[in-house]
Structures are given as structure tokens and as C-alpha cells.
Amino acid sequence: MPLPYLATVEDLMAYPGQRPSSDAEAQMALRLASGAIRNYTKQVLTFVAADTVILTGGQRVLTLPERPLVVDNANPLTVVEIVDGLGLEIPAAEGRDFVRKGSELHRGETWPTSRLMGWPHRQRIGVWADRVRVIYSHGFVEIPDDLVGICLDLASATVANPNRLRSESAGATSVTHTVETFGTGSLTADHVELLKAYKRATSWSVTQS
């Protein structure tokens, strides 16, 4: 199923600048803009419920790939350690086996000894098992205004200059486009600066289930 756009057609129709000539043109511009933002941030950004990933463990801190986490009664966090070679699948409970800090799941320090140290007992203390299966919800139910603004900037530029021309002429009229209106999802330096707060900073091994 295609991911939702980071802004709506109605937003784009109301956005200052050249308006799309059709609903289809607006949707294509928003699709390209949303794709450019997701490609840079390496994040889905829109809300996803009960996503399943298998992460490489072996460290004290396990970082979940998508942010922000959504954990509540309707969106539980399920963590299961998979111990390679032993055929064991051990459920891990928050507060007993790990502590959640933002998008990170922390085992305990090496002292004092507790179940936060690691499980099972054959495992090196203080680390996660070889692989960890996590079922979690993530993303924004309501997209932040700065992301909406960037999406609309990019989509509007695509509508205004779909061929990425530096300048164009029609009869006696000549128009020179700025870099910001080259279109088709070209992020500007200002966009990139704003998107750094949403960008995935670390690479790790993730298997989608």
C-alpha cells in the first residue's frame, strides 16, 4: 500500500504560487515531494501501527529504526529476544528487562546485577541477544508543520517548473527560475537543515517482517 503524502491536495491548492491544473497533477507533485523527504530522512514519518522488525542485537543499546515511537494502551511495545543456535525466543518486558529512552532500548549497566543485564544467562551480561524482534507503532499521527511546509515547497516547485529549467521564454516573456524552484523534489539547503532533526543518524541491520 502506498504511503500517505506528507501534505494534502487541499493544502497544495491553498499554497501560494502556481496551483496544480488537476487533482492528478497535485497528487503527483505531493508524491514526489514526500518521496524526496523520506529518501533524505530514511524515515516513514507518517503513523504506522504494529510494525514488525528484526534487529541485530549483541550490544547494550538497541536502537529502533523509526521515530517517534508511539507506546500506549492501543499501541503496545512487544520485544522478543531470538537466541541463535539455541532456538530460544525470550519475551523482554519494559522496566524489568530493559529501559526505553526515546527510540533506544537500554539494558542495564554492569553493576548492580539485575535482569536488565541480559538474558538468557549464557548471553554476555548487559547485552541483547543476537537478534531481537520488535513490534512497535511509530510516526506522526499529525505531520509537524515544518514537514508539511517542506513538502508543499517541493510540490509547488514541481508544479511551477516540472522540466527543471533554469530559464524559459514564451514570446516576449522570459522567466528565470531560482534554484529553489527547479522542481521535482529538489531539497534546498534550508530544507536539509530543517530535516536534520528527523534524519536517521545510524545505520544498522534491519529485517522487515
N, C-alpha and C. Protein backbone atom coordinates (compact mmCIF):
# COMPACT_ATOMS: atom_id res chain seq x y z
N MET A 1 0.85 -1.19 0.00
CA MET A 1 0.00 0.00 0.00
C MET A 1 0.89 1.25 0.00
N PRO A 2 0.61 2.23 -0.90
CA PRO A 2 1.43 3.44 -0.93
C PRO A 2 1.35 4.21 0.38
N LEU A 3 2.45 4.84 0.74
CA LEU A 3 2.47 5.65 1.96
C LEU A 3 1.67 6.93 1.76
N PRO A 4 1.04 7.45 2.80
CA PRO A 4 0.32 8.73 2.69
C PRO A 4 1.29 9.86 2.36
N TYR A 5 0.78 10.86 1.66
CA TYR A 5 1.59 12.05 1.40
C TYR A 5 1.78 12.84 2.69
N LEU A 6 2.81 13.64 2.74
CA LEU A 6 3.11 14.44 3.93
C LEU A 6 2.35 15.76 3.96
N ALA A 7 1.56 16.02 2.94
CA ALA A 7 0.65 17.17 2.90
C ALA A 7 -0.53 16.75 2.03
N THR A 8 -1.60 17.52 2.09
CA THR A 8 -2.82 17.16 1.35
C THR A 8 -2.94 17.96 0.06
N VAL A 9 -3.79 17.45 -0.82
CA VAL A 9 -4.09 18.18 -2.05
C VAL A 9 -4.69 19.54 -1.72
N GLU A 10 -5.55 19.57 -0.72
CA GLU A 10 -6.18 20.84 -0.31
C GLU A 10 -5.12 21.84 0.16
N ASP A 11 -4.12 21.36 0.90
CA ASP A 11 -3.02 22.24 1.33
C ASP A 11 -2.31 22.82 0.12
N LEU A 12 -2.02 21.97 -0.86
CA LEU A 12 -1.28 22.43 -2.03
C LEU A 12 -2.10 23.42 -2.85
N MET A 13 -3.40 23.19 -2.96
CA MET A 13 -4.26 24.12 -3.71
C MET A 13 -4.30 25.49 -3.04
N ALA A 14 -4.16 25.51 -1.70
CA ALA A 14 -4.21 26.78 -0.97
C ALA A 14 -2.83 27.43 -0.84
N TYR A 15 -1.77 26.71 -1.21
CA TYR A 15 -0.41 27.20 -1.02
C TYR A 15 -0.10 28.31 -2.03
N PRO A 16 0.59 29.39 -1.60
CA PRO A 16 0.92 30.48 -2.53
C PRO A 16 1.76 29.97 -3.70
N GLY A 17 1.49 30.50 -4.87
CA GLY A 17 2.24 30.10 -6.05
C GLY A 17 1.32 29.51 -7.10
N GLN A 18 1.92 28.93 -8.10
CA GLN A 18 1.15 28.35 -9.20
C GLN A 18 0.41 27.10 -8.72
N ARG A 19 -0.89 27.08 -8.97
CA ARG A 19 -1.69 25.95 -8.50
C ARG A 19 -1.68 24.81 -9.52
N PRO A 20 -1.79 23.60 -9.07
CA PRO A 20 -1.89 22.46 -9.99
C PRO A 20 -3.13 22.60 -10.87
N SER A 21 -3.01 22.13 -12.09
CA SER A 21 -4.14 22.23 -13.03
C SER A 21 -5.16 21.12 -12.82
N SER A 22 -4.80 20.11 -12.07
CA SER A 22 -5.72 19.00 -11.84
C SER A 22 -5.37 18.30 -10.53
N ASP A 23 -6.30 17.50 -10.05
CA ASP A 23 -6.06 16.71 -8.85
C ASP A 23 -4.92 15.73 -9.08
N ALA A 24 -4.86 15.16 -10.27
CA ALA A 24 -3.80 14.20 -10.58
C ALA A 24 -2.42 14.87 -10.55
N GLU A 25 -2.33 16.09 -11.07
CA GLU A 25 -1.05 16.82 -11.04
C GLU A 25 -0.64 17.12 -9.60
N ALA A 26 -1.61 17.51 -8.78
CA ALA A 26 -1.32 17.80 -7.37
C ALA A 26 -0.82 16.55 -6.65
N GLN A 27 -1.48 15.43 -6.90
CA GLN A 27 -1.08 14.20 -6.23
C GLN A 27 0.31 13.76 -6.66
N MET A 28 0.64 13.89 -7.94
CA MET A 28 1.98 13.51 -8.40
C MET A 28 3.04 14.41 -7.77
N ALA A 29 2.77 15.72 -7.69
CA ALA A 29 3.73 16.64 -7.08
C ALA A 29 3.94 16.30 -5.61
N LEU A 30 2.86 15.99 -4.90
CA LEU A 30 2.97 15.62 -3.49
C LEU A 30 3.68 14.28 -3.31
N ARG A 31 3.45 13.38 -4.24
CA ARG A 31 4.14 12.07 -4.19
C ARG A 31 5.64 12.25 -4.33
N LEU A 32 6.06 13.06 -5.29
CA LEU A 32 7.49 13.30 -5.49
C LEU A 32 8.11 14.03 -4.28
N ALA A 33 7.38 15.01 -3.76
CA ALA A 33 7.89 15.76 -2.61
C ALA A 33 8.01 14.88 -1.37
N SER A 34 6.99 14.08 -1.11
CA SER A 34 7.03 13.18 0.06
C SER A 34 8.14 12.16 -0.09
N GLY A 35 8.34 11.66 -1.32
CA GLY A 35 9.41 10.70 -1.56
C GLY A 35 10.78 11.29 -1.32
N ALA A 36 10.98 12.55 -1.73
CA ALA A 36 12.27 13.21 -1.53
C ALA A 36 12.57 13.37 -0.04
N ILE A 37 11.56 13.74 0.73
CA ILE A 37 11.75 13.93 2.17
C ILE A 37 12.05 12.60 2.85
N ARG A 38 11.31 11.56 2.48
CA ARG A 38 11.55 10.24 3.08
C ARG A 38 12.90 9.68 2.66
N ASN A 39 13.30 9.93 1.44
CA ASN A 39 14.60 9.44 0.98
C ASN A 39 15.73 10.09 1.77
N TYR A 40 15.60 11.37 2.08
CA TYR A 40 16.66 12.05 2.82
C TYR A 40 16.67 11.63 4.29
N THR A 41 15.49 11.57 4.91
CA THR A 41 15.44 11.28 6.34
C THR A 41 15.57 9.79 6.65
N LYS A 42 15.29 8.93 5.65
CA LYS A 42 15.26 7.47 5.86
C LYS A 42 14.21 7.11 6.92
N GLN A 43 13.13 7.88 6.95
CA GLN A 43 12.04 7.67 7.89
C GLN A 43 10.70 7.65 7.15
N VAL A 44 9.76 6.84 7.66
CA VAL A 44 8.42 6.82 7.08
C VAL A 44 7.66 8.09 7.44
N LEU A 45 7.79 8.53 8.70
CA LEU A 45 7.25 9.78 9.22
C LEU A 45 5.75 9.70 9.52
N THR A 46 4.92 9.19 8.61
CA THR A 46 3.51 9.04 8.90
C THR A 46 3.29 7.84 9.82
N PHE A 47 2.15 7.82 10.52
CA PHE A 47 1.90 6.82 11.54
C PHE A 47 1.75 5.42 10.95
N VAL A 48 2.45 4.46 11.57
CA VAL A 48 2.34 3.05 11.21
C VAL A 48 2.10 2.27 12.49
N ALA A 49 1.05 1.47 12.53
CA ALA A 49 0.71 0.70 13.72
C ALA A 49 1.26 -0.72 13.62
N ALA A 50 1.79 -1.22 14.72
CA ALA A 50 2.22 -2.62 14.86
C ALA A 50 3.18 -3.05 13.74
N ASP A 51 4.20 -2.25 13.51
CA ASP A 51 5.24 -2.60 12.55
C ASP A 51 6.18 -3.63 13.18
N THR A 52 6.59 -4.62 12.40
CA THR A 52 7.48 -5.67 12.91
C THR A 52 8.84 -5.59 12.26
N VAL A 53 9.90 -5.54 13.07
CA VAL A 53 11.27 -5.54 12.57
C VAL A 53 12.09 -6.54 13.37
N ILE A 54 13.10 -7.11 12.73
CA ILE A 54 14.07 -7.94 13.42
C ILE A 54 15.42 -7.22 13.36
N LEU A 55 15.96 -6.89 14.52
CA LEU A 55 17.17 -6.09 14.62
C LEU A 55 18.35 -6.95 15.07
N THR A 56 19.54 -6.57 14.64
CA THR A 56 20.75 -7.21 15.12
C THR A 56 21.06 -6.72 16.53
N GLY A 57 21.21 -7.67 17.46
CA GLY A 57 21.50 -7.32 18.85
C GLY A 57 22.98 -7.37 19.15
N GLY A 58 23.32 -7.93 20.31
CA GLY A 58 24.73 -8.07 20.69
C GLY A 58 25.33 -6.86 21.34
N GLN A 59 24.53 -5.79 21.54
CA GLN A 59 25.01 -4.58 22.20
C GLN A 59 24.09 -4.27 23.38
N ARG A 60 24.52 -3.33 24.22
CA ARG A 60 23.71 -2.96 25.37
C ARG A 60 22.52 -2.12 24.98
N VAL A 61 22.66 -1.33 23.90
CA VAL A 61 21.59 -0.44 23.46
C VAL A 61 21.06 -0.92 22.11
N LEU A 62 19.74 -1.03 22.02
CA LEU A 62 19.06 -1.41 20.78
C LEU A 62 18.30 -0.19 20.29
N THR A 63 18.64 0.28 19.09
CA THR A 63 18.01 1.47 18.55
C THR A 63 16.97 1.09 17.51
N LEU A 64 15.74 1.52 17.72
CA LEU A 64 14.67 1.23 16.77
C LEU A 64 14.78 2.18 15.58
N PRO A 65 14.53 1.67 14.39
CA PRO A 65 14.82 2.47 13.19
C PRO A 65 13.88 3.62 12.91
N GLU A 66 12.62 3.54 13.32
CA GLU A 66 11.66 4.59 13.00
C GLU A 66 11.30 5.40 14.24
N ARG A 67 11.13 6.70 14.04
CA ARG A 67 10.77 7.61 15.13
C ARG A 67 9.60 8.48 14.67
N PRO A 68 8.87 9.05 15.62
CA PRO A 68 8.91 8.77 17.06
C PRO A 68 8.15 7.49 17.39
N LEU A 69 8.52 6.86 18.51
CA LEU A 69 7.78 5.70 18.98
C LEU A 69 6.43 6.16 19.53
N VAL A 70 5.44 5.33 19.33
CA VAL A 70 4.12 5.56 19.92
C VAL A 70 3.81 4.35 20.78
N VAL A 71 3.80 4.54 22.11
CA VAL A 71 3.55 3.44 23.04
C VAL A 71 2.44 3.88 24.00
N ASP A 72 1.31 3.19 23.90
CA ASP A 72 0.19 3.43 24.82
C ASP A 72 -0.66 2.18 24.85
N ASN A 73 -1.83 2.26 25.46
CA ASN A 73 -2.68 1.08 25.59
C ASN A 73 -3.07 0.50 24.24
N ALA A 74 -3.29 1.36 23.27
CA ALA A 74 -3.68 0.90 21.94
C ALA A 74 -2.49 0.48 21.09
N ASN A 75 -1.29 0.88 21.50
CA ASN A 75 -0.08 0.60 20.72
C ASN A 75 1.01 0.04 21.63
N PRO A 76 0.90 -1.22 22.00
CA PRO A 76 1.90 -1.81 22.91
C PRO A 76 3.24 -2.02 22.20
N LEU A 77 4.28 -2.07 23.01
CA LEU A 77 5.63 -2.37 22.52
C LEU A 77 5.94 -3.82 22.89
N THR A 78 6.19 -4.65 21.87
CA THR A 78 6.48 -6.07 22.09
C THR A 78 7.91 -6.36 21.66
N VAL A 79 8.70 -6.92 22.58
CA VAL A 79 10.12 -7.18 22.32
C VAL A 79 10.40 -8.65 22.65
N VAL A 80 10.98 -9.37 21.70
CA VAL A 80 11.32 -10.78 21.89
C VAL A 80 12.75 -11.01 21.44
N GLU A 81 13.59 -11.54 22.34
CA GLU A 81 14.97 -11.87 22.00
C GLU A 81 15.02 -13.24 21.33
N ILE A 82 15.79 -13.32 20.24
CA ILE A 82 15.95 -14.56 19.50
C ILE A 82 17.40 -15.00 19.66
N VAL A 83 17.61 -16.11 20.36
CA VAL A 83 18.97 -16.57 20.65
C VAL A 83 19.38 -17.58 19.59
N ASP A 84 20.23 -17.16 18.67
CA ASP A 84 20.66 -18.02 17.57
C ASP A 84 21.39 -19.25 18.10
N GLY A 85 21.10 -20.39 17.49
CA GLY A 85 21.77 -21.63 17.85
C GLY A 85 21.10 -22.38 18.97
N LEU A 86 20.25 -21.70 19.74
CA LEU A 86 19.57 -22.34 20.86
C LEU A 86 18.08 -22.54 20.62
N GLY A 87 17.56 -21.87 19.60
CA GLY A 87 16.14 -21.98 19.31
C GLY A 87 15.25 -21.32 20.34
N LEU A 88 15.79 -20.41 21.12
CA LEU A 88 15.02 -19.76 22.17
C LEU A 88 14.45 -18.43 21.69
N GLU A 89 13.23 -18.16 22.09
CA GLU A 89 12.61 -16.85 21.91
C GLU A 89 12.14 -16.39 23.28
N ILE A 90 12.78 -15.35 23.79
CA ILE A 90 12.54 -14.90 25.16
C ILE A 90 11.89 -13.52 25.15
N PRO A 91 10.62 -13.41 25.60
CA PRO A 91 9.99 -12.08 25.69
C PRO A 91 10.75 -11.19 26.67
N ALA A 92 10.88 -9.91 26.34
CA ALA A 92 11.53 -8.93 27.21
C ALA A 92 10.50 -7.88 27.61
N ALA A 93 10.44 -7.58 28.88
CA ALA A 93 9.46 -6.63 29.40
C ALA A 93 10.13 -5.31 29.76
N GLU A 94 9.48 -4.20 29.37
CA GLU A 94 9.99 -2.88 29.73
C GLU A 94 9.94 -2.70 31.24
N GLY A 95 11.00 -2.13 31.80
CA GLY A 95 11.08 -1.92 33.23
C GLY A 95 11.66 -3.09 33.98
N ARG A 96 11.56 -4.28 33.41
CA ARG A 96 12.15 -5.46 34.03
C ARG A 96 13.41 -5.89 33.30
N ASP A 97 13.34 -5.92 31.96
CA ASP A 97 14.46 -6.39 31.15
C ASP A 97 15.16 -5.28 30.38
N PHE A 98 14.50 -4.15 30.22
CA PHE A 98 15.13 -3.02 29.51
C PHE A 98 14.43 -1.74 29.92
N VAL A 99 15.11 -0.63 29.65
CA VAL A 99 14.55 0.70 29.87
C VAL A 99 14.48 1.40 28.53
N ARG A 100 13.34 2.03 28.25
CA ARG A 100 13.15 2.74 26.99
C ARG A 100 13.52 4.20 27.15
N LYS A 101 14.41 4.67 26.27
CA LYS A 101 14.81 6.08 26.25
C LYS A 101 14.66 6.59 24.82
N GLY A 102 13.55 7.27 24.55
CA GLY A 102 13.29 7.71 23.19
C GLY A 102 13.11 6.51 22.28
N SER A 103 13.95 6.42 21.25
CA SER A 103 13.89 5.29 20.32
C SER A 103 14.90 4.21 20.67
N GLU A 104 15.49 4.28 21.87
CA GLU A 104 16.51 3.32 22.29
C GLU A 104 15.99 2.45 23.43
N LEU A 105 16.34 1.15 23.36
CA LEU A 105 16.00 0.21 24.41
C LEU A 105 17.30 -0.20 25.09
N HIS A 106 17.45 0.18 26.37
CA HIS A 106 18.72 0.02 27.09
C HIS A 106 18.67 -1.17 28.04
N ARG A 107 19.70 -2.00 27.97
CA ARG A 107 19.96 -2.96 29.03
C ARG A 107 20.61 -2.22 30.19
N GLY A 108 20.78 -2.91 31.33
CA GLY A 108 21.36 -2.27 32.50
C GLY A 108 22.86 -2.11 32.41
N GLU A 109 23.40 -1.34 33.32
CA GLU A 109 24.84 -1.22 33.46
C GLU A 109 25.38 -2.51 34.07
N THR A 110 26.69 -2.66 34.08
CA THR A 110 27.29 -3.89 34.59
C THR A 110 27.17 -4.02 36.11
N TRP A 111 26.74 -2.95 36.79
CA TRP A 111 26.55 -3.01 38.24
C TRP A 111 25.45 -2.02 38.62
N PRO A 112 24.50 -2.35 39.46
CA PRO A 112 24.35 -3.65 40.13
C PRO A 112 23.74 -4.68 39.19
N THR A 113 23.87 -5.94 39.56
CA THR A 113 23.34 -7.02 38.73
C THR A 113 21.81 -7.03 38.79
N SER A 114 21.19 -7.16 37.63
CA SER A 114 19.74 -7.26 37.55
C SER A 114 19.38 -7.94 36.24
N ARG A 115 18.09 -8.20 36.02
CA ARG A 115 17.69 -8.81 34.76
C ARG A 115 17.95 -7.88 33.59
N LEU A 116 18.10 -6.58 33.86
CA LEU A 116 18.46 -5.66 32.78
C LEU A 116 19.84 -5.96 32.22
N MET A 117 20.57 -6.83 32.89
CA MET A 117 21.92 -7.16 32.45
C MET A 117 21.93 -7.97 31.16
N GLY A 118 20.90 -8.71 30.87
CA GLY A 118 20.88 -9.54 29.66
C GLY A 118 20.24 -10.88 29.93
N TRP A 119 19.77 -11.52 28.87
CA TRP A 119 19.06 -12.78 29.00
C TRP A 119 19.23 -13.55 27.72
N PRO A 120 19.39 -14.86 27.70
CA PRO A 120 19.45 -15.73 28.87
C PRO A 120 20.82 -15.67 29.55
N HIS A 121 21.04 -16.53 30.54
CA HIS A 121 22.27 -16.44 31.34
C HIS A 121 23.51 -16.76 30.52
N ARG A 122 23.37 -17.51 29.42
CA ARG A 122 24.53 -17.81 28.59
C ARG A 122 24.98 -16.58 27.80
N GLN A 123 24.10 -15.64 27.68
CA GLN A 123 24.42 -14.43 26.93
C GLN A 123 25.39 -13.56 27.73
N ARG A 124 26.28 -12.85 27.03
CA ARG A 124 27.16 -11.91 27.71
C ARG A 124 26.32 -10.91 28.50
N ILE A 125 26.75 -10.60 29.72
CA ILE A 125 25.94 -9.73 30.57
C ILE A 125 25.84 -8.34 29.97
N GLY A 126 24.69 -7.74 30.17
CA GLY A 126 24.48 -6.36 29.77
C GLY A 126 24.22 -6.15 28.30
N VAL A 127 23.94 -7.19 27.51
CA VAL A 127 23.71 -7.01 26.09
C VAL A 127 22.45 -7.75 25.66
N TRP A 128 21.94 -7.34 24.51
CA TRP A 128 20.80 -8.01 23.90
C TRP A 128 21.24 -9.31 23.24
N ALA A 129 20.29 -10.19 23.00
CA ALA A 129 20.57 -11.44 22.29
C ALA A 129 21.01 -11.13 20.86
N ASP A 130 21.38 -12.17 20.11
CA ASP A 130 21.91 -11.99 18.75
C ASP A 130 20.94 -11.24 17.85
N ARG A 131 19.67 -11.60 17.95
CA ARG A 131 18.64 -10.91 17.17
C ARG A 131 17.46 -10.60 18.09
N VAL A 132 16.76 -9.52 17.76
CA VAL A 132 15.63 -9.09 18.58
C VAL A 132 14.47 -8.71 17.65
N ARG A 133 13.32 -9.33 17.90
CA ARG A 133 12.12 -8.99 17.14
C ARG A 133 11.30 -7.97 17.93
N VAL A 134 10.99 -6.88 17.27
CA VAL A 134 10.25 -5.80 17.93
C VAL A 134 9.00 -5.50 17.12
N ILE A 135 7.87 -5.44 17.79
CA ILE A 135 6.62 -4.98 17.19
C ILE A 135 6.28 -3.65 17.86
N TYR A 136 6.23 -2.60 17.06
CA TYR A 136 6.01 -1.27 17.65
C TYR A 136 5.30 -0.36 16.66
N SER A 137 4.64 0.66 17.20
CA SER A 137 4.00 1.69 16.39
C SER A 137 4.88 2.93 16.38
N HIS A 138 4.85 3.64 15.26
CA HIS A 138 5.77 4.78 15.13
C HIS A 138 5.22 5.79 14.13
N GLY A 139 5.80 6.98 14.17
CA GLY A 139 5.43 8.02 13.22
C GLY A 139 4.49 9.05 13.83
N PHE A 140 4.18 10.05 13.02
CA PHE A 140 3.33 11.16 13.46
C PHE A 140 1.89 10.94 13.02
N VAL A 141 0.98 10.98 13.98
CA VAL A 141 -0.44 10.95 13.64
C VAL A 141 -0.80 12.24 12.91
N GLU A 142 -0.24 13.34 13.38
CA GLU A 142 -0.38 14.64 12.71
C GLU A 142 1.01 15.12 12.31
N ILE A 143 1.21 15.32 11.02
CA ILE A 143 2.54 15.69 10.50
C ILE A 143 2.90 17.09 11.00
N PRO A 144 4.11 17.27 11.55
CA PRO A 144 4.54 18.59 12.03
C PRO A 144 4.51 19.64 10.93
N ASP A 145 4.29 20.88 11.33
CA ASP A 145 4.13 21.96 10.36
C ASP A 145 5.36 22.15 9.48
N ASP A 146 6.56 21.96 10.05
CA ASP A 146 7.75 22.18 9.23
C ASP A 146 7.86 21.13 8.12
N LEU A 147 7.47 19.90 8.39
CA LEU A 147 7.48 18.87 7.36
C LEU A 147 6.42 19.16 6.29
N VAL A 148 5.25 19.60 6.73
CA VAL A 148 4.21 19.97 5.77
C VAL A 148 4.70 21.10 4.87
N GLY A 149 5.35 22.09 5.48
CA GLY A 149 5.86 23.23 4.70
C GLY A 149 6.88 22.82 3.67
N ILE A 150 7.81 21.94 4.04
CA ILE A 150 8.82 21.48 3.08
C ILE A 150 8.17 20.70 1.95
N CYS A 151 7.21 19.85 2.31
CA CYS A 151 6.51 19.09 1.28
C CYS A 151 5.80 20.00 0.30
N LEU A 152 5.14 21.04 0.82
CA LEU A 152 4.44 21.97 -0.06
C LEU A 152 5.40 22.80 -0.90
N ASP A 153 6.54 23.18 -0.31
CA ASP A 153 7.56 23.90 -1.08
C ASP A 153 7.99 23.08 -2.29
N LEU A 154 8.31 21.82 -2.05
CA LEU A 154 8.80 20.96 -3.12
C LEU A 154 7.70 20.70 -4.15
N ALA A 155 6.50 20.42 -3.68
CA ALA A 155 5.40 20.14 -4.60
C ALA A 155 5.06 21.36 -5.45
N SER A 156 5.05 22.54 -4.82
CA SER A 156 4.76 23.77 -5.55
C SER A 156 5.83 24.03 -6.61
N ALA A 157 7.09 23.77 -6.27
CA ALA A 157 8.17 23.96 -7.23
C ALA A 157 8.03 23.01 -8.41
N THR A 158 7.60 21.79 -8.15
CA THR A 158 7.40 20.82 -9.22
C THR A 158 6.29 21.28 -10.16
N VAL A 159 5.21 21.82 -9.60
CA VAL A 159 4.11 22.32 -10.42
C VAL A 159 4.56 23.52 -11.25
N ALA A 160 5.34 24.42 -10.64
CA ALA A 160 5.76 25.63 -11.33
C ALA A 160 6.80 25.37 -12.41
N ASN A 161 7.66 24.36 -12.18
CA ASN A 161 8.78 24.13 -13.11
C ASN A 161 9.05 22.63 -13.24
N PRO A 162 8.14 21.89 -13.82
CA PRO A 162 8.28 20.43 -13.86
C PRO A 162 9.46 19.95 -14.69
N ASN A 163 9.92 20.76 -15.63
CA ASN A 163 11.03 20.35 -16.50
C ASN A 163 12.40 20.77 -15.98
N ARG A 164 12.42 21.37 -14.80
CA ARG A 164 13.67 21.77 -14.13
C ARG A 164 14.50 22.73 -15.00
N LEU A 165 13.82 23.68 -15.61
CA LEU A 165 14.51 24.64 -16.47
C LEU A 165 15.08 25.78 -15.64
N ARG A 166 16.28 26.24 -16.04
CA ARG A 166 16.86 27.41 -15.36
C ARG A 166 16.18 28.67 -15.84
N SER A 167 15.78 28.72 -17.10
CA SER A 167 15.02 29.84 -17.63
C SER A 167 14.18 29.34 -18.79
N GLU A 168 13.11 30.04 -19.08
CA GLU A 168 12.24 29.67 -20.20
C GLU A 168 11.61 30.93 -20.75
N SER A 169 11.26 30.85 -22.04
CA SER A 169 10.70 32.01 -22.73
C SER A 169 9.42 31.61 -23.44
N ALA A 170 8.48 32.55 -23.51
CA ALA A 170 7.25 32.38 -24.27
C ALA A 170 6.96 33.70 -24.94
N GLY A 171 7.28 33.80 -26.24
CA GLY A 171 7.13 35.06 -26.95
C GLY A 171 8.10 36.09 -26.42
N ALA A 172 7.54 37.21 -26.00
CA ALA A 172 8.38 38.29 -25.49
C ALA A 172 8.64 38.15 -23.99
N THR A 173 8.06 37.12 -23.38
CA THR A 173 8.19 36.95 -21.93
C THR A 173 9.27 35.93 -21.61
N SER A 174 10.17 36.28 -20.70
CA SER A 174 11.24 35.38 -20.26
C SER A 174 11.19 35.27 -18.75
N VAL A 175 11.30 34.03 -18.25
CA VAL A 175 11.26 33.78 -16.81
C VAL A 175 12.52 33.03 -16.42
N THR A 176 13.21 33.53 -15.39
CA THR A 176 14.38 32.85 -14.85
C THR A 176 14.00 32.28 -13.49
N HIS A 177 14.21 30.96 -13.34
CA HIS A 177 13.84 30.29 -12.10
C HIS A 177 15.01 30.30 -11.12
N THR A 178 14.70 30.46 -9.87
CA THR A 178 15.73 30.33 -8.84
C THR A 178 16.01 28.86 -8.61
N VAL A 179 17.09 28.58 -7.89
CA VAL A 179 17.43 27.20 -7.57
C VAL A 179 16.29 26.53 -6.82
N GLU A 180 15.61 27.30 -5.96
CA GLU A 180 14.55 26.75 -5.13
C GLU A 180 13.35 26.29 -5.93
N THR A 181 13.23 26.72 -7.19
CA THR A 181 12.06 26.33 -7.99
C THR A 181 12.46 25.41 -9.15
N PHE A 182 13.57 24.70 -8.99
CA PHE A 182 13.95 23.74 -10.03
C PHE A 182 12.97 22.57 -10.11
N GLY A 183 12.24 22.33 -9.05
CA GLY A 183 11.16 21.37 -9.10
C GLY A 183 11.56 19.92 -8.91
N THR A 184 10.56 19.05 -9.04
CA THR A 184 10.68 17.60 -8.92
C THR A 184 11.49 17.17 -7.70
N GLY A 185 11.15 17.74 -6.57
CA GLY A 185 11.71 17.26 -5.31
C GLY A 185 13.14 17.64 -5.03
N SER A 186 13.58 18.82 -5.43
CA SER A 186 14.94 19.26 -5.14
C SER A 186 14.99 19.95 -3.78
N LEU A 187 15.61 19.29 -2.80
CA LEU A 187 15.72 19.88 -1.48
C LEU A 187 16.72 21.02 -1.49
N THR A 188 16.36 22.13 -0.87
CA THR A 188 17.28 23.25 -0.74
C THR A 188 18.11 23.08 0.54
N ALA A 189 19.10 23.94 0.69
CA ALA A 189 19.93 23.90 1.90
C ALA A 189 19.09 24.17 3.14
N ASP A 190 18.10 25.07 3.04
CA ASP A 190 17.22 25.36 4.17
C ASP A 190 16.37 24.15 4.52
N HIS A 191 15.87 23.44 3.49
CA HIS A 191 15.10 22.23 3.74
C HIS A 191 15.94 21.19 4.48
N VAL A 192 17.15 20.99 3.98
CA VAL A 192 18.04 19.99 4.58
C VAL A 192 18.32 20.32 6.04
N GLU A 193 18.53 21.58 6.33
CA GLU A 193 18.80 21.98 7.72
C GLU A 193 17.63 21.63 8.63
N LEU A 194 16.42 21.89 8.16
CA LEU A 194 15.24 21.57 8.95
C LEU A 194 15.04 20.06 9.09
N LEU A 195 15.39 19.31 8.05
CA LEU A 195 15.15 17.87 8.05
C LEU A 195 16.18 17.09 8.88
N LYS A 196 17.28 17.74 9.25
CA LYS A 196 18.30 17.03 10.03
C LYS A 196 17.73 16.50 11.36
N ALA A 197 16.76 17.20 11.90
CA ALA A 197 16.17 16.77 13.17
C ALA A 197 15.38 15.48 13.02
N TYR A 198 14.98 15.16 11.79
CA TYR A 198 14.17 13.96 11.55
C TYR A 198 14.98 12.83 10.93
N LYS A 199 16.22 13.09 10.57
CA LYS A 199 17.00 12.12 9.82
C LYS A 199 17.48 10.98 10.70
N ARG A 200 17.44 9.77 10.15
CA ARG A 200 18.01 8.61 10.84
C ARG A 200 19.52 8.77 10.84
N ALA A 201 20.11 8.75 12.02
CA ALA A 201 21.53 9.07 12.15
C ALA A 201 22.43 7.85 12.08
N THR A 202 21.89 6.67 12.32
CA THR A 202 22.73 5.48 12.44
C THR A 202 22.26 4.42 11.49
N SER A 203 23.21 3.66 10.94
CA SER A 203 22.88 2.53 10.09
C SER A 203 22.98 1.25 10.89
N TRP A 204 22.07 0.31 10.67
CA TRP A 204 22.12 -0.97 11.35
C TRP A 204 21.38 -1.99 10.51
N SER A 205 21.47 -3.22 10.89
CA SER A 205 20.82 -4.29 10.16
C SER A 205 19.37 -4.43 10.59
N VAL A 206 18.45 -4.28 9.63
CA VAL A 206 17.03 -4.37 9.91
C VAL A 206 16.39 -5.31 8.93
N THR A 207 15.58 -6.22 9.40
CA THR A 207 14.79 -7.07 8.54
C THR A 207 13.32 -6.80 8.78
N GLN A 208 12.60 -6.41 7.72
CA GLN A 208 11.17 -6.18 7.86
C GLN A 208 10.45 -7.52 7.82
N SER A 209 9.45 -7.68 8.66
CA SER A 209 8.67 -8.90 8.68
C SER A 209 7.29 -8.66 8.10
